Amino acid sequence: LVIDNERHTVRRGDRDITLTAREFALLVYLASNAGRVVSRAELMEHVWDDNPDKYSNIIDVYASRLRRKIDEGEPVSLFATVRGVGFVLRA
């Protein structure tokens, strides 16, 4: 997985991955914390700059989209959900 912060582009292998601005911000934050489980509250604070709404599933929706775009068709999954805790981008 190659993330180019200047160009806002992402590649996995020889495949270009098109992301929205929010998906890109989520990926960059997870990548900067690669290998560590990041909580939904932390993502809400650092990616959304907002107070977490306990009943909002916005992070889950974006995580699902990002996971599908990054891992689709790949033999090894990089994006994982840690049930009840948060998300992790495997190094």
Protein backbone atom coordinates (compact mmCIF):
# COMPACT_ATOMS: atom_id res chain seq x y z
CA LEU A 1 0.00 0.00 0.00
CA VAL A 2 1.52 3.31 -1.11
CA ILE A 3 0.02 6.60 0.08
CA ASP A 4 1.19 9.83 -1.55
CA ASN A 5 0.17 12.67 0.77
CA GLU A 6 1.16 15.43 -1.65
CA ARG A 7 -0.85 14.08 -4.57
CA HIS A 8 -3.60 12.51 -2.43
CA THR A 9 -3.22 9.22 -4.28
CA VAL A 10 -3.21 5.61 -3.12
CA ARG A 11 -1.91 2.48 -4.82
CA ARG A 12 -1.93 -1.12 -3.80
CA GLY A 13 0.35 -3.17 -5.97
CA ASP A 14 -0.32 -2.00 -9.53
CA ARG A 15 -3.88 -0.86 -8.76
CA ASP A 16 -4.81 2.81 -8.28
CA ILE A 17 -7.39 3.34 -5.52
CA THR A 18 -9.75 6.29 -5.79
CA LEU A 19 -10.77 7.72 -2.41
CA THR A 20 -12.93 10.60 -1.27
CA ALA A 21 -11.26 13.29 0.83
CA ARG A 22 -12.69 11.80 4.05
CA GLU A 23 -11.67 8.25 3.12
CA PHE A 24 -8.17 9.53 2.37
CA ALA A 25 -8.01 11.33 5.74
CA LEU A 26 -9.18 8.15 7.51
CA LEU A 27 -6.57 6.06 5.69
CA VAL A 28 -3.77 8.52 6.46
CA TYR A 29 -4.67 8.54 10.14
CA LEU A 30 -4.82 4.75 10.31
CA ALA A 31 -1.53 4.48 8.39
CA SER A 32 0.15 6.90 10.78
CA ASN A 33 -0.93 4.51 13.55
CA ALA A 34 -0.30 1.30 11.59
CA GLY A 35 -0.39 -1.83 13.71
CA ARG A 36 -2.25 -0.10 16.55
CA VAL A 37 -5.98 -0.38 17.12
CA VAL A 38 -7.57 3.07 16.77
CA SER A 39 -10.87 3.63 18.55
CA ARG A 40 -13.94 5.18 16.99
CA ALA A 41 -13.72 8.06 19.49
CA GLU A 42 -10.13 8.76 18.44
CA LEU A 43 -11.12 8.72 14.78
CA MET A 44 -14.03 11.05 15.45
CA GLU A 45 -11.67 13.45 17.21
CA HIS A 46 -8.81 13.36 14.69
CA VAL A 47 -10.49 12.70 11.35
CA TRP A 48 -13.91 14.27 11.84
CA ASP A 49 -12.90 16.95 14.40
CA ASP A 50 -16.19 16.39 16.16
CA ASN A 51 -17.64 15.03 19.37
CA PRO A 52 -18.59 11.40 19.02
CA ASP A 53 -22.26 10.58 18.82
CA LYS A 54 -22.68 7.21 20.53
CA TYR A 55 -25.32 6.15 18.04
CA SER A 56 -23.70 7.40 14.85
CA ASN A 57 -22.42 4.82 12.42
CA ILE A 58 -20.61 7.29 10.14
CA ILE A 59 -17.21 5.85 11.02
CA ASP A 60 -18.43 2.31 10.34
CA VAL A 61 -19.78 3.38 6.95
CA TYR A 62 -16.50 5.02 5.93
CA ALA A 63 -14.46 2.13 7.33
CA SER A 64 -16.51 -0.34 5.31
CA ARG A 65 -16.01 1.65 2.10
CA LEU A 66 -12.30 2.05 2.75
CA ARG A 67 -11.84 -1.64 3.56
CA ARG A 68 -13.63 -2.63 0.36
CA LYS A 69 -11.48 -0.31 -1.76
CA ILE A 70 -8.17 -1.34 -0.18
CA ASP A 71 -8.67 -5.08 0.25
CA GLU A 72 -10.99 -6.00 -2.65
CA GLY A 73 -9.45 -8.78 -4.73
CA GLU A 74 -6.31 -8.93 -2.60
CA PRO A 75 -5.07 -12.19 -1.03
CA VAL A 76 -4.01 -10.43 2.20
CA SER A 77 -6.30 -8.08 4.08
CA LEU A 78 -4.67 -4.92 5.46
CA PHE A 79 -7.72 -3.27 7.03
CA ALA A 80 -9.34 -4.93 10.04
CA THR A 81 -12.10 -4.24 12.53
CA VAL A 82 -11.40 -5.16 16.13
CA ARG A 83 -14.91 -5.80 17.36
CA GLY A 84 -15.95 -3.46 20.15
CA VAL A 85 -12.64 -1.58 20.07
CA GLY A 86 -11.93 0.05 16.70
CA PHE A 87 -9.94 -0.40 13.52
CA VAL A 88 -6.38 -1.27 12.58
CA LEU A 89 -4.34 -0.97 9.42
CA ARG A 90 -1.86 -3.81 9.47
CA ALA A 91 1.74 -2.84 8.80
